[in-house]
Amino acid sequence: MPGRALGRERGSVTAELAVALPAVVVVLVLVLTVGAASVARLRAVDAATAAARSAALGEDTAAQRTAAVRVGGTGTSVRLAHDGDWVTADVEVPVVGRLGPFGGVPLRATGHAVARVEP
């Protein structure tokens, strides 16, 4: 009667896969979103560094913002502040992609850089 035991098990792998597959998809979406957020964070820090360096060299405001957008990409926002001999740049960069079906809220990464004004 070994054939009867196998008959009762038929389709169990398919049922288990149907239950586990949504969890695997959710984990995959989360991993990809974390990866995209990490890349956006690096772009934001690099964009802030570029903007602060441009401001430290005495370039005009348009050049400072252009430097940040060139590195950060479309949708980059820049805030620059001068404090004596120091320039501070705060940059926000959009995270590419969203949390799949959960993503009604766009994600943004931030970067911060400080540079000393060149004489």
Protein backbone atom coordinates (compact mmCIF):
# COMPACT_ATOMS: atom_id res chain seq x y z
CA MET A 1 0.00 0.00 0.00
CA PRO A 2 2.80 2.50 -0.51
CA GLY A 3 0.90 4.03 -3.43
CA ARG A 4 -1.96 5.10 -1.16
CA ALA A 5 0.31 7.11 1.13
CA LEU A 6 1.72 8.98 -1.82
CA GLY A 7 -1.76 9.79 -3.07
CA ARG A 8 -2.64 11.62 0.13
CA GLU A 9 0.53 13.73 -0.10
CA ARG A 10 -0.11 14.76 -3.68
CA GLY A 11 -0.36 18.57 -4.03
CA SER A 12 1.04 19.34 -0.59
CA VAL A 13 4.14 21.03 -2.02
CA THR A 14 1.95 23.25 -4.18
CA ALA A 15 -0.15 24.25 -1.17
CA GLU A 16 2.94 25.00 0.92
CA LEU A 17 4.41 27.07 -1.90
CA ALA A 18 1.15 29.01 -2.26
CA VAL A 19 1.29 29.87 1.45
CA ALA A 20 5.01 30.74 1.52
CA LEU A 21 5.28 32.65 -1.77
CA PRO A 22 3.64 35.90 -0.56
CA ALA A 23 6.03 36.01 2.41
CA VAL A 24 9.00 35.50 0.09
CA VAL A 25 7.77 38.31 -2.17
CA VAL A 26 7.34 40.70 0.79
CA VAL A 27 10.84 39.93 2.05
CA LEU A 28 12.27 40.42 -1.44
CA VAL A 29 10.52 43.80 -1.82
CA LEU A 30 11.82 44.91 1.58
CA VAL A 31 15.39 43.85 0.75
CA LEU A 32 15.28 45.69 -2.57
CA THR A 33 13.84 48.80 -0.90
CA VAL A 34 16.57 48.79 1.75
CA GLY A 35 19.16 48.47 -1.02
CA ALA A 36 17.63 51.38 -2.93
CA ALA A 37 17.53 53.47 0.26
CA SER A 38 21.20 52.72 0.92
CA VAL A 39 22.17 53.83 -2.58
CA ALA A 40 20.05 56.99 -2.20
CA ARG A 41 21.75 57.74 1.12
CA LEU A 42 25.18 57.53 -0.53
CA ARG A 43 23.99 59.81 -3.35
CA ALA A 44 22.61 62.30 -0.81
CA VAL A 45 25.89 62.46 1.12
CA ASP A 46 27.87 62.84 -2.11
CA ALA A 47 25.49 65.57 -3.32
CA ALA A 48 25.80 67.43 -0.02
CA THR A 49 29.58 67.20 -0.24
CA ALA A 50 29.52 68.57 -3.81
CA ALA A 51 27.25 71.47 -2.83
CA ALA A 52 29.30 72.34 0.27
CA ARG A 53 32.54 72.21 -1.70
CA SER A 54 31.08 74.43 -4.42
CA ALA A 55 29.91 76.94 -1.80
CA ALA A 56 33.29 76.83 -0.05
CA LEU A 57 34.98 77.76 -3.33
CA GLY A 58 32.75 80.83 -3.60
CA GLU A 59 30.69 79.72 -6.58
CA ASP A 60 27.25 81.27 -7.03
CA THR A 61 24.07 79.69 -5.65
CA ALA A 62 23.01 78.26 -9.02
CA ALA A 63 26.35 76.45 -9.39
CA GLN A 64 26.06 75.06 -5.85
CA ARG A 65 22.59 73.67 -6.52
CA THR A 66 23.65 72.36 -9.92
CA ALA A 67 26.54 70.48 -8.30
CA ALA A 68 24.14 68.82 -5.85
CA VAL A 69 21.53 67.93 -8.48
CA ARG A 70 24.19 66.55 -10.84
CA VAL A 71 25.23 64.05 -8.14
CA GLY A 72 21.88 63.51 -6.41
CA GLY A 73 19.70 63.27 -9.49
CA THR A 74 16.23 64.51 -10.30
CA GLY A 75 14.16 65.58 -7.31
CA THR A 76 17.16 66.57 -5.19
CA SER A 77 16.52 69.43 -2.77
CA VAL A 78 19.36 71.48 -1.29
CA ARG A 79 19.61 73.78 1.74
CA LEU A 80 22.81 75.77 2.22
CA ALA A 81 23.77 77.78 5.29
CA HIS A 82 26.82 79.97 5.90
CA ASP A 83 28.15 80.34 9.44
CA GLY A 84 31.33 82.38 9.55
CA ASP A 85 34.09 80.38 7.88
CA TRP A 86 31.90 77.30 7.44
CA VAL A 87 29.31 76.24 4.88
CA THR A 88 26.72 73.58 5.66
CA ALA A 89 24.78 71.69 2.99
CA ASP A 90 21.73 69.55 3.71
CA VAL A 91 20.43 67.51 0.78
CA GLU A 92 17.38 65.30 0.32
CA VAL A 93 17.29 62.72 -2.48
CA PRO A 94 14.28 60.60 -3.46
CA VAL A 95 14.64 56.84 -3.05
CA VAL A 96 14.07 55.13 -6.39
CA GLY A 97 11.15 52.72 -6.10
CA ARG A 98 8.72 52.29 -3.27
CA LEU A 99 7.62 49.53 -0.95
CA GLY A 100 5.75 47.75 -3.71
CA PRO A 101 2.04 47.57 -2.91
CA PHE A 102 2.64 49.15 0.52
CA GLY A 103 4.27 52.30 -0.86
CA GLY A 104 1.87 55.18 -0.84
CA VAL A 105 4.52 57.34 0.82
CA PRO A 106 7.63 58.29 -1.17
CA LEU A 107 10.89 57.70 0.66
CA ARG A 108 13.69 60.29 0.83
CA ALA A 109 17.30 59.97 1.94
CA THR A 110 19.22 62.82 3.53
CA GLY A 111 22.85 63.87 3.41
CA HIS A 112 24.79 66.47 5.39
CA ALA A 113 28.18 68.02 4.70
CA VAL A 114 30.25 70.86 6.14
CA ALA A 115 33.13 72.61 4.39
CA ARG A 116 35.43 75.43 5.37
CA VAL A 117 35.25 78.51 3.15
CA GLU A 118 38.36 78.81 1.00
CA PRO A 119 40.28 82.08 1.42
